[in-house]
Protein backbone atom coordinates (compact mmCIF):
# COMPACT_ATOMS: atom_id res chain seq x y z
CA MET A 1 2.08 -21.99 -15.52
CA MET A 2 -1.42 -21.29 -14.21
CA PRO A 3 -2.13 -17.93 -12.58
CA PRO A 4 -3.00 -17.91 -8.87
CA LEU A 5 -6.76 -18.04 -8.30
CA GLY A 6 -8.60 -15.01 -6.95
CA ALA A 7 -7.80 -11.31 -7.22
CA ARG A 8 -4.15 -10.23 -7.02
CA PHE A 9 -2.44 -6.89 -7.56
CA THR A 10 0.50 -7.00 -9.94
CA ALA A 11 2.75 -4.37 -11.55
CA ALA A 12 0.41 -4.45 -14.59
CA GLY A 13 -2.80 -3.97 -12.58
CA ALA A 14 -5.23 -6.30 -10.82
CA GLN A 15 -5.39 -9.87 -12.08
CA PHE A 16 -8.59 -11.86 -11.56
CA ALA A 17 -8.51 -15.65 -12.04
CA LEU A 18 -11.31 -18.15 -11.56
CA CYS A 19 -11.59 -21.89 -12.21
CA ALA A 20 -14.74 -22.61 -14.22
CA ARG A 21 -14.14 -25.83 -16.14
CA ASP A 22 -17.61 -26.19 -17.66
CA ALA A 23 -18.28 -22.51 -18.43
CA GLU A 24 -18.37 -21.49 -22.08
CA HIS A 25 -17.09 -18.07 -21.01
CA VAL A 26 -16.92 -15.90 -17.90
CA GLU A 27 -17.21 -12.14 -17.43
CA LEU A 28 -15.57 -10.14 -14.66
CA CYS A 29 -18.16 -7.61 -13.41
CA LEU A 30 -16.80 -4.39 -11.91
CA PHE A 31 -19.15 -2.11 -9.97
CA ASP A 32 -19.11 1.64 -9.46
CA GLY A 33 -22.25 2.29 -7.44
CA ASP A 34 -25.11 0.89 -9.52
CA ARG A 35 -23.03 0.90 -12.73
CA GLU A 36 -21.78 -2.54 -13.85
CA THR A 37 -18.93 -2.91 -16.33
CA ARG A 38 -18.43 -6.40 -17.78
CA VAL A 39 -14.92 -7.45 -18.81
CA PRO A 40 -14.57 -10.66 -20.87
CA MET A 41 -12.13 -13.11 -19.33
CA ARG A 42 -9.71 -15.13 -21.46
CA ARG A 43 -9.51 -18.86 -20.98
CA GLN A 44 -6.34 -20.75 -20.05
CA HIS A 45 -7.41 -24.42 -19.84
CA ASP A 46 -9.96 -24.48 -16.97
CA ILE A 47 -8.93 -21.05 -15.64
CA HIS A 48 -10.51 -17.76 -16.79
CA VAL A 49 -8.29 -14.67 -16.39
CA ALA A 50 -8.80 -10.89 -16.73
CA MET A 51 -6.67 -7.83 -15.97
CA ALA A 52 -8.25 -4.59 -14.77
CA ASP A 53 -7.01 -1.17 -13.74
CA VAL A 54 -8.71 -0.99 -10.33
CA GLN A 55 -7.84 0.03 -6.78
CA PRO A 56 -8.04 -2.03 -3.57
CA GLY A 57 -11.65 -2.20 -2.36
CA GLN A 58 -13.11 -2.55 -5.88
CA CYS A 59 -16.51 -4.31 -5.81
CA TYR A 60 -16.67 -7.14 -8.32
CA GLY A 61 -18.22 -10.50 -9.13
CA TYR A 62 -18.48 -12.92 -12.03
CA ARG A 63 -21.10 -14.01 -14.56
CA ALA A 64 -20.57 -17.50 -15.94
CA HIS A 65 -22.14 -18.44 -19.27
CA GLY A 66 -22.94 -21.98 -20.28
CA PRO A 67 -25.76 -24.48 -20.68
CA TRP A 68 -28.75 -24.98 -18.43
CA ALA A 69 -28.77 -28.79 -18.35
CA PRO A 70 -29.84 -30.05 -14.90
CA GLU A 71 -29.64 -33.67 -16.06
CA GLN A 72 -25.89 -33.09 -16.58
CA LYS A 73 -25.56 -31.01 -13.36
CA LEU A 74 -24.89 -27.86 -15.44
CA LEU A 75 -26.82 -24.92 -13.98
CA PHE A 76 -25.43 -21.84 -15.71
CA ASP A 77 -27.48 -18.66 -15.43
CA SER A 78 -25.58 -15.52 -16.41
CA SER A 79 -28.29 -13.32 -14.91
CA LYS A 80 -26.91 -14.35 -11.49
CA LEU A 81 -23.88 -12.53 -10.12
CA LEU A 82 -21.39 -14.95 -8.56
CA VAL A 83 -19.23 -14.20 -5.53
CA ASP A 84 -15.51 -14.86 -5.98
CA PRO A 85 -14.94 -18.19 -4.18
CA TYR A 86 -11.34 -17.08 -3.50
CA ALA A 87 -12.27 -13.69 -1.97
CA THR A 88 -10.75 -12.98 1.42
CA SER A 89 -13.43 -10.45 2.40
CA LEU A 90 -16.89 -9.29 1.31
CA ASP A 91 -18.44 -5.83 1.59
CA ARG A 92 -21.76 -7.35 2.72
CA ILE A 93 -23.30 -10.71 3.54
CA PRO A 94 -24.97 -12.19 0.44
CA THR A 95 -28.66 -12.95 0.83
CA LEU A 96 -30.60 -15.57 -1.08
CA PRO A 97 -34.14 -14.44 -1.90
CA ARG A 98 -36.83 -17.10 -2.30
CA ASN A 99 -36.84 -16.61 -6.08
CA TYR A 100 -33.03 -17.00 -6.30
CA VAL A 101 -33.37 -19.73 -8.91
CA ALA A 102 -35.75 -18.73 -11.67
CA ARG A 103 -36.14 -22.23 -13.08
CA SER A 104 -37.79 -25.18 -11.37
CA VAL A 105 -35.27 -27.86 -10.48
CA ARG A 106 -35.41 -30.81 -8.13
CA TRP A 107 -32.29 -29.90 -6.16
CA ARG A 108 -31.91 -33.20 -4.33
CA THR A 109 -31.40 -34.98 -7.65
CA LEU A 110 -28.47 -32.67 -8.44
CA LEU A 111 -26.56 -33.17 -5.21
CA SER A 112 -23.98 -35.91 -4.89
CA SER A 113 -24.72 -38.71 -2.48
CA PRO A 114 -22.81 -38.63 0.80
CA ILE A 115 -19.99 -41.13 1.21
């Protein structure tokens, strides 16, 4: 049975689960002010799971590791912190600076065609 996606509190602590089929591995990143602690997530098929002893309100994100292969639509860059796509609230609105992507890519060639 697959764990529910997102962050959930259980009797054993907080469980974090994320679907990242093409990632080689994913790290859960916990923040205490400017201090980042990276927790390796274990893989269960396409789902990456980690347990952490945290309290409600914990700031966190993910770093996904994998290939940079635009021709295969694989754009992994572990220097970028990813927002949990299953989060129900954010502590701030993410901003995208002009230099968000460090590598030059023709983005239109990576997007699927509309139906």
